[in-house]
Amino acid sequence: MLPLSVVFAALLCPLSQAALIDGTWELARIFRSGTTARTRTVPIDSTVYVRLTLETHPGGWMGGRLYRRYYGQPEGSKIEAGPLRGTNRFVIGVELDNPTWQRARSAAWLVGDRLRLGTPLVPDADSLEFRRVGPDAPYAHTVVEVVTRQ
């Protein structure tokens, strides 16, 4: 028979893991592959900008909002997310309208104080990196695009 404290710790582990990504995250870097390696700052209207807010709920699932500008066109979506048990990763799901309607799912994981995501939120991206911001922080006007040579 397991001690009650061990049972509670096992039940709360996904909650404490999920709480690590609670808050507001803003797109900081877009990683793409190309013929020439380069890093450059691009205006938001020339690419895709994303801000997400995540909040953990009882049972370990997360909800939140996604705000996205796709080449200047605004869109918003509810986020449904949860921890991938036994890993330090999460799965985030949203519905996107642009360039075509799709249900997008992405793996997410922490790298230091940054949140990394897979590709569906930004077309042609290999991965995305988000930085934590305050909920009332002004929206960025630029994003860093990192192109690695194929």
Protein backbone atom coordinates (compact mmCIF):
# COMPACT_ATOMS: atom_id res chain seq x y z
CA MET A 1 0.00 0.00 0.00
CA LEU A 2 1.43 3.39 -1.05
CA PRO A 3 1.53 6.22 1.48
CA LEU A 4 -1.13 8.88 0.86
CA SER A 5 1.54 11.56 0.23
CA VAL A 6 2.98 9.53 -2.67
CA VAL A 7 -0.48 9.11 -4.21
CA PHE A 8 -1.18 12.87 -3.96
CA ALA A 9 2.24 13.71 -5.41
CA ALA A 10 1.60 11.42 -8.39
CA LEU A 11 -1.82 12.97 -8.97
CA LEU A 12 -0.54 16.55 -8.71
CA CYS A 13 2.58 16.05 -10.85
CA PRO A 14 0.79 16.81 -14.14
CA LEU A 15 -0.72 19.94 -12.55
CA SER A 16 2.62 21.30 -11.38
CA GLN A 17 4.15 20.50 -14.78
CA ALA A 18 1.34 22.26 -16.60
CA ALA A 19 1.59 25.28 -14.29
CA LEU A 20 5.13 25.83 -15.60
CA ILE A 21 3.67 27.02 -18.91
CA ASP A 22 0.75 28.98 -17.46
CA GLY A 23 0.78 32.60 -18.56
CA THR A 24 1.08 34.70 -21.69
CA TRP A 25 3.61 33.79 -24.37
CA GLU A 26 4.62 35.84 -27.39
CA LEU A 27 6.32 34.61 -30.54
CA ALA A 28 10.00 35.53 -30.35
CA ARG A 29 11.63 33.49 -33.15
CA ILE A 30 10.52 31.53 -36.19
CA PHE A 31 12.89 28.76 -37.32
CA ARG A 32 12.85 27.80 -41.00
CA SER A 33 15.19 25.92 -43.30
CA GLY A 34 16.44 27.40 -46.57
CA THR A 35 19.29 27.51 -49.03
CA THR A 36 21.20 30.25 -47.14
CA ALA A 37 21.59 30.47 -43.37
CA ARG A 38 20.64 33.85 -41.94
CA THR A 39 19.02 35.58 -38.99
CA ARG A 40 16.96 38.69 -39.57
CA THR A 41 14.26 40.77 -37.96
CA VAL A 42 11.09 40.92 -40.04
CA PRO A 43 8.02 43.12 -39.56
CA ILE A 44 4.94 41.36 -38.23
CA ASP A 45 2.90 42.23 -41.34
CA SER A 46 5.37 40.29 -43.49
CA THR A 47 4.92 37.05 -41.57
CA VAL A 48 2.79 35.46 -38.87
CA TYR A 49 2.57 36.76 -35.32
CA VAL A 50 1.23 34.65 -32.44
CA ARG A 51 0.47 35.29 -28.77
CA LEU A 52 -0.99 32.60 -26.53
CA THR A 53 -2.33 32.58 -23.02
CA LEU A 54 -2.46 29.28 -21.13
CA GLU A 55 -4.15 28.44 -17.84
CA THR A 56 -4.18 25.12 -15.98
CA HIS A 57 -7.54 23.77 -14.77
CA PRO A 58 -8.42 20.98 -12.32
CA GLY A 59 -7.53 17.59 -13.76
CA GLY A 60 -4.40 18.83 -15.55
CA TRP A 61 -5.99 20.07 -18.78
CA MET A 62 -5.26 23.60 -19.96
CA GLY A 63 -7.31 26.16 -21.76
CA GLY A 64 -6.59 29.57 -23.11
CA ARG A 65 -6.68 31.89 -26.09
CA LEU A 66 -4.58 32.28 -29.18
CA TYR A 67 -4.28 35.63 -30.91
CA ARG A 68 -2.71 35.44 -34.33
CA ARG A 69 -2.11 37.83 -37.21
CA TYR A 70 -1.60 36.04 -40.50
CA TYR A 71 0.01 38.57 -42.85
CA GLY A 72 -1.89 41.36 -41.11
CA GLN A 73 -5.26 39.55 -40.85
CA PRO A 74 -6.29 39.06 -37.18
CA GLU A 75 -7.79 35.85 -35.87
CA GLY A 76 -8.43 34.34 -32.47
CA SER A 77 -9.05 30.83 -31.27
CA LYS A 78 -9.62 28.85 -28.09
CA ILE A 79 -6.72 26.68 -27.00
CA GLU A 80 -7.12 23.22 -25.56
CA ALA A 81 -3.95 21.70 -24.17
CA GLY A 82 -2.61 19.15 -21.76
CA PRO A 83 0.58 17.51 -20.57
CA LEU A 84 1.88 14.43 -22.35
CA ARG A 85 2.25 12.13 -19.37
CA GLY A 86 5.68 10.78 -18.69
CA THR A 87 7.36 13.53 -20.73
CA ASN A 88 8.23 17.18 -20.28
CA ARG A 89 6.05 18.03 -23.27
CA PHE A 90 2.55 19.28 -23.84
CA VAL A 91 0.08 19.07 -26.71
CA ILE A 92 -1.68 22.27 -27.78
CA GLY A 93 -4.69 22.27 -30.09
CA VAL A 94 -6.39 25.22 -31.83
CA GLU A 95 -8.62 25.92 -34.81
CA LEU A 96 -7.10 28.25 -37.41
CA ASP A 97 -8.84 30.12 -40.23
CA ASN A 98 -5.89 31.21 -42.38
CA PRO A 99 -4.55 30.34 -44.94
CA THR A 100 -7.32 27.69 -44.87
CA TRP A 101 -9.43 26.39 -42.01
CA GLN A 102 -7.68 23.65 -40.07
CA ARG A 103 -7.49 22.05 -36.66
CA ALA A 104 -3.88 22.41 -35.66
CA ARG A 105 -2.11 20.41 -32.98
CA SER A 106 1.43 21.00 -31.88
CA ALA A 107 3.85 19.60 -29.35
CA ALA A 108 5.22 22.18 -26.92
CA TRP A 109 8.16 21.98 -24.52
CA LEU A 110 10.20 24.30 -22.32
CA VAL A 111 13.79 25.12 -23.22
CA GLY A 112 15.08 27.16 -20.30
CA ASP A 113 12.67 30.08 -19.96
CA ARG A 114 11.40 29.75 -23.55
CA LEU A 115 8.48 27.71 -24.89
CA ARG A 116 9.10 25.82 -28.15
CA LEU A 117 6.31 24.63 -30.45
CA GLY A 118 6.12 22.62 -33.62
CA THR A 119 4.98 24.00 -36.93
CA PRO A 120 1.21 24.28 -37.53
CA LEU A 121 0.73 27.80 -36.13
CA VAL A 122 3.08 29.36 -38.70
CA PRO A 123 3.08 27.93 -42.24
CA ASP A 124 6.51 26.86 -43.55
CA ALA A 125 8.12 27.02 -40.09
CA ASP A 126 10.24 24.20 -38.70
CA SER A 127 9.62 25.29 -35.09
CA LEU A 128 8.68 28.35 -33.06
CA GLU A 129 10.10 29.90 -29.91
CA PHE A 130 7.97 31.95 -27.50
CA ARG A 131 9.00 34.24 -24.66
CA ARG A 132 6.90 34.93 -21.58
CA VAL A 133 5.32 38.39 -21.48
CA GLY A 134 2.87 40.16 -19.21
CA PRO A 135 -0.79 39.89 -20.22
CA ASP A 136 -0.94 43.64 -20.90
CA ALA A 137 2.42 43.88 -22.70
CA PRO A 138 2.25 45.81 -25.98
CA TYR A 139 2.28 43.65 -29.08
CA ALA A 140 5.59 43.31 -30.88
CA HIS A 141 6.07 44.93 -34.28
CA THR A 142 8.79 42.53 -35.41
CA VAL A 143 9.81 38.90 -34.99
CA VAL A 144 13.21 37.23 -35.49
CA GLU A 145 13.39 34.74 -38.34
CA VAL A 146 16.21 32.18 -38.12
CA VAL A 147 16.92 30.29 -41.34
CA THR A 148 19.20 27.26 -41.16
CA ARG A 149 20.79 25.81 -44.26
CA GLN A 150 19.14 22.63 -45.56
